Amino acid sequence: MISYRKLWIKLKKESLPYSYMREKAKISPGTFIKLKNNEPVSLYSLEKICRSLDCNIGEIMEYVGD
């Protein structure tokens, strides 16, 4: 299973509200909900998040066993 826990930790650590990331990365509310629920999202969406936060994909997600 993929976990986006690292994304939420990163935003909290940098004192960035969720809305900042969503607006800057230009991701839809539906994609944001998928992220919150650890559901699959497109690599394109993940790339936009990484670009907006100037980070590597490993800084926002990780694989965790079932």
N, C-alpha and C. Protein backbone atom coordinates (compact mmCIF):
# COMPACT_ATOMS: atom_id res chain seq x y z
N MET A 1 0.84 -1.17 0.00
CA MET A 1 0.00 0.00 0.00
C MET A 1 0.90 1.24 0.00
N ILE A 2 0.47 2.26 -0.71
CA ILE A 2 1.18 3.54 -0.74
C ILE A 2 0.60 4.44 0.34
N SER A 3 1.48 5.10 1.07
CA SER A 3 1.06 6.03 2.12
C SER A 3 1.59 7.42 1.79
N TYR A 4 0.75 8.40 1.96
CA TYR A 4 1.14 9.80 1.74
C TYR A 4 1.38 10.52 3.06
N ARG A 5 1.60 9.75 4.12
CA ARG A 5 1.85 10.30 5.45
C ARG A 5 3.00 11.30 5.42
N LYS A 6 4.03 11.00 4.63
CA LYS A 6 5.19 11.90 4.55
C LYS A 6 4.79 13.28 4.01
N LEU A 7 3.82 13.31 3.12
CA LEU A 7 3.35 14.59 2.57
C LEU A 7 2.76 15.45 3.67
N TRP A 8 1.90 14.86 4.50
CA TRP A 8 1.25 15.63 5.58
C TRP A 8 2.27 16.06 6.63
N ILE A 9 3.25 15.22 6.89
CA ILE A 9 4.31 15.58 7.84
C ILE A 9 5.12 16.75 7.28
N LYS A 10 5.45 16.67 5.99
CA LYS A 10 6.23 17.74 5.34
C LYS A 10 5.48 19.07 5.40
N LEU A 11 4.20 19.04 5.09
CA LEU A 11 3.42 20.28 5.13
C LEU A 11 3.37 20.85 6.54
N LYS A 12 3.19 20.00 7.53
CA LYS A 12 3.13 20.47 8.92
C LYS A 12 4.48 21.03 9.35
N LYS A 13 5.55 20.32 9.00
CA LYS A 13 6.90 20.75 9.37
C LYS A 13 7.23 22.13 8.78
N GLU A 14 6.76 22.37 7.55
CA GLU A 14 7.03 23.64 6.88
C GLU A 14 5.93 24.67 7.14
N SER A 15 5.00 24.34 8.02
CA SER A 15 3.88 25.23 8.38
C SER A 15 3.09 25.69 7.16
N LEU A 16 2.83 24.75 6.26
CA LEU A 16 2.06 25.06 5.05
C LEU A 16 0.67 24.45 5.18
N PRO A 17 -0.36 25.26 4.99
CA PRO A 17 -1.72 24.70 5.04
C PRO A 17 -1.98 23.81 3.83
N TYR A 18 -2.88 22.86 3.99
CA TYR A 18 -3.23 21.97 2.89
C TYR A 18 -3.67 22.75 1.66
N SER A 19 -4.40 23.83 1.88
CA SER A 19 -4.90 24.62 0.76
C SER A 19 -3.76 25.21 -0.06
N TYR A 20 -2.65 25.56 0.58
CA TYR A 20 -1.50 26.10 -0.13
C TYR A 20 -0.99 25.07 -1.14
N MET A 21 -0.79 23.84 -0.67
CA MET A 21 -0.28 22.79 -1.55
C MET A 21 -1.27 22.50 -2.67
N ARG A 22 -2.54 22.41 -2.33
CA ARG A 22 -3.56 22.10 -3.33
C ARG A 22 -3.63 23.18 -4.41
N GLU A 23 -3.59 24.44 -4.00
CA GLU A 23 -3.68 25.54 -4.96
C GLU A 23 -2.39 25.69 -5.77
N LYS A 24 -1.26 25.60 -5.12
CA LYS A 24 0.01 25.77 -5.82
C LYS A 24 0.26 24.63 -6.80
N ALA A 25 -0.09 23.41 -6.41
CA ALA A 25 0.11 22.25 -7.29
C ALA A 25 -1.02 22.13 -8.31
N LYS A 26 -2.08 22.88 -8.11
CA LYS A 26 -3.25 22.85 -9.00
C LYS A 26 -3.81 21.43 -9.13
N ILE A 27 -4.04 20.81 -7.97
CA ILE A 27 -4.68 19.50 -7.97
C ILE A 27 -6.15 19.67 -7.59
N SER A 28 -6.96 18.78 -8.11
CA SER A 28 -8.40 18.88 -7.88
C SER A 28 -8.77 18.47 -6.46
N PRO A 29 -9.93 18.90 -6.00
CA PRO A 29 -10.40 18.46 -4.68
C PRO A 29 -10.50 16.94 -4.60
N GLY A 30 -10.89 16.29 -5.70
CA GLY A 30 -11.00 14.83 -5.73
C GLY A 30 -9.64 14.16 -5.52
N THR A 31 -8.61 14.70 -6.15
CA THR A 31 -7.26 14.16 -5.97
C THR A 31 -6.79 14.37 -4.54
N PHE A 32 -7.11 15.52 -3.99
CA PHE A 32 -6.73 15.80 -2.61
C PHE A 32 -7.38 14.78 -1.66
N ILE A 33 -8.63 14.47 -1.88
CA ILE A 33 -9.33 13.49 -1.04
C ILE A 33 -8.69 12.11 -1.19
N LYS A 34 -8.31 11.76 -2.42
CA LYS A 34 -7.63 10.48 -2.63
C LYS A 34 -6.32 10.43 -1.84
N LEU A 35 -5.58 11.52 -1.85
CA LEU A 35 -4.33 11.58 -1.09
C LEU A 35 -4.61 11.39 0.40
N LYS A 36 -5.62 12.08 0.91
CA LYS A 36 -5.97 11.97 2.33
C LYS A 36 -6.36 10.54 2.71
N ASN A 37 -6.93 9.80 1.75
CA ASN A 37 -7.39 8.43 2.01
C ASN A 37 -6.37 7.37 1.55
N ASN A 38 -5.17 7.82 1.19
CA ASN A 38 -4.12 6.91 0.70
C ASN A 38 -4.59 6.06 -0.48
N GLU A 39 -5.36 6.66 -1.36
CA GLU A 39 -5.82 6.00 -2.57
C GLU A 39 -4.89 6.35 -3.72
N PRO A 40 -4.85 5.54 -4.77
CA PRO A 40 -3.96 5.81 -5.90
C PRO A 40 -4.28 7.14 -6.58
N VAL A 41 -3.24 7.87 -6.92
CA VAL A 41 -3.35 9.09 -7.72
C VAL A 41 -2.34 8.99 -8.85
N SER A 42 -2.52 9.80 -9.87
CA SER A 42 -1.65 9.72 -11.04
C SER A 42 -0.25 10.24 -10.72
N LEU A 43 0.72 9.72 -11.46
CA LEU A 43 2.08 10.22 -11.33
C LEU A 43 2.15 11.70 -11.71
N TYR A 44 1.30 12.11 -12.64
CA TYR A 44 1.26 13.51 -13.04
C TYR A 44 0.89 14.40 -11.84
N SER A 45 -0.08 13.98 -11.06
CA SER A 45 -0.46 14.74 -9.86
C SER A 45 0.67 14.76 -8.85
N LEU A 46 1.33 13.63 -8.66
CA LEU A 46 2.45 13.57 -7.72
C LEU A 46 3.60 14.45 -8.19
N GLU A 47 3.83 14.48 -9.50
CA GLU A 47 4.87 15.35 -10.05
C GLU A 47 4.55 16.82 -9.78
N LYS A 48 3.28 17.21 -9.95
CA LYS A 48 2.89 18.59 -9.70
C LYS A 48 3.10 18.96 -8.23
N ILE A 49 2.81 18.02 -7.33
CA ILE A 49 3.01 18.28 -5.90
C ILE A 49 4.50 18.44 -5.62
N CYS A 50 5.31 17.53 -6.15
CA CYS A 50 6.76 17.63 -5.93
C CYS A 50 7.31 18.94 -6.48
N ARG A 51 6.86 19.33 -7.64
CA ARG A 51 7.32 20.58 -8.24
C ARG A 51 6.91 21.77 -7.36
N SER A 52 5.69 21.75 -6.86
CA SER A 52 5.21 22.88 -6.06
C SER A 52 5.90 22.97 -4.71
N LEU A 53 6.32 21.82 -4.15
CA LEU A 53 6.99 21.81 -2.85
C LEU A 53 8.52 21.73 -2.99
N ASP A 54 9.00 21.66 -4.24
CA ASP A 54 10.43 21.55 -4.54
C ASP A 54 11.05 20.39 -3.75
N CYS A 55 10.49 19.19 -3.99
CA CYS A 55 10.96 18.02 -3.26
C CYS A 55 11.00 16.80 -4.17
N ASN A 56 11.54 15.72 -3.67
CA ASN A 56 11.62 14.44 -4.35
C ASN A 56 10.37 13.63 -3.99
N ILE A 57 9.97 12.73 -4.87
CA ILE A 57 8.76 11.93 -4.63
C ILE A 57 8.85 11.09 -3.35
N GLY A 58 10.06 10.68 -2.99
CA GLY A 58 10.26 9.91 -1.76
C GLY A 58 10.02 10.73 -0.50
N GLU A 59 9.95 12.04 -0.65
CA GLU A 59 9.69 12.91 0.50
C GLU A 59 8.20 13.07 0.79
N ILE A 60 7.34 12.59 -0.14
CA ILE A 60 5.91 12.77 0.05
C ILE A 60 5.13 11.46 0.09
N MET A 61 5.78 10.35 -0.23
CA MET A 61 5.07 9.08 -0.22
C MET A 61 6.03 7.94 0.08
N GLU A 62 5.44 6.81 0.50
CA GLU A 62 6.26 5.64 0.76
C GLU A 62 5.40 4.39 0.61
N TYR A 63 6.06 3.28 0.35
CA TYR A 63 5.37 2.00 0.28
C TYR A 63 5.39 1.38 1.67
N VAL A 64 4.21 0.97 2.13
CA VAL A 64 4.11 0.27 3.41
C VAL A 64 3.40 -1.05 3.13
N GLY A 65 3.91 -2.11 3.69
CA GLY A 65 3.29 -3.42 3.48
C GLY A 65 1.87 -3.46 4.00
N ASP A 66 1.11 -4.39 3.48
CA ASP A 66 -0.29 -4.54 3.90
C ASP A 66 -0.35 -4.96 5.28
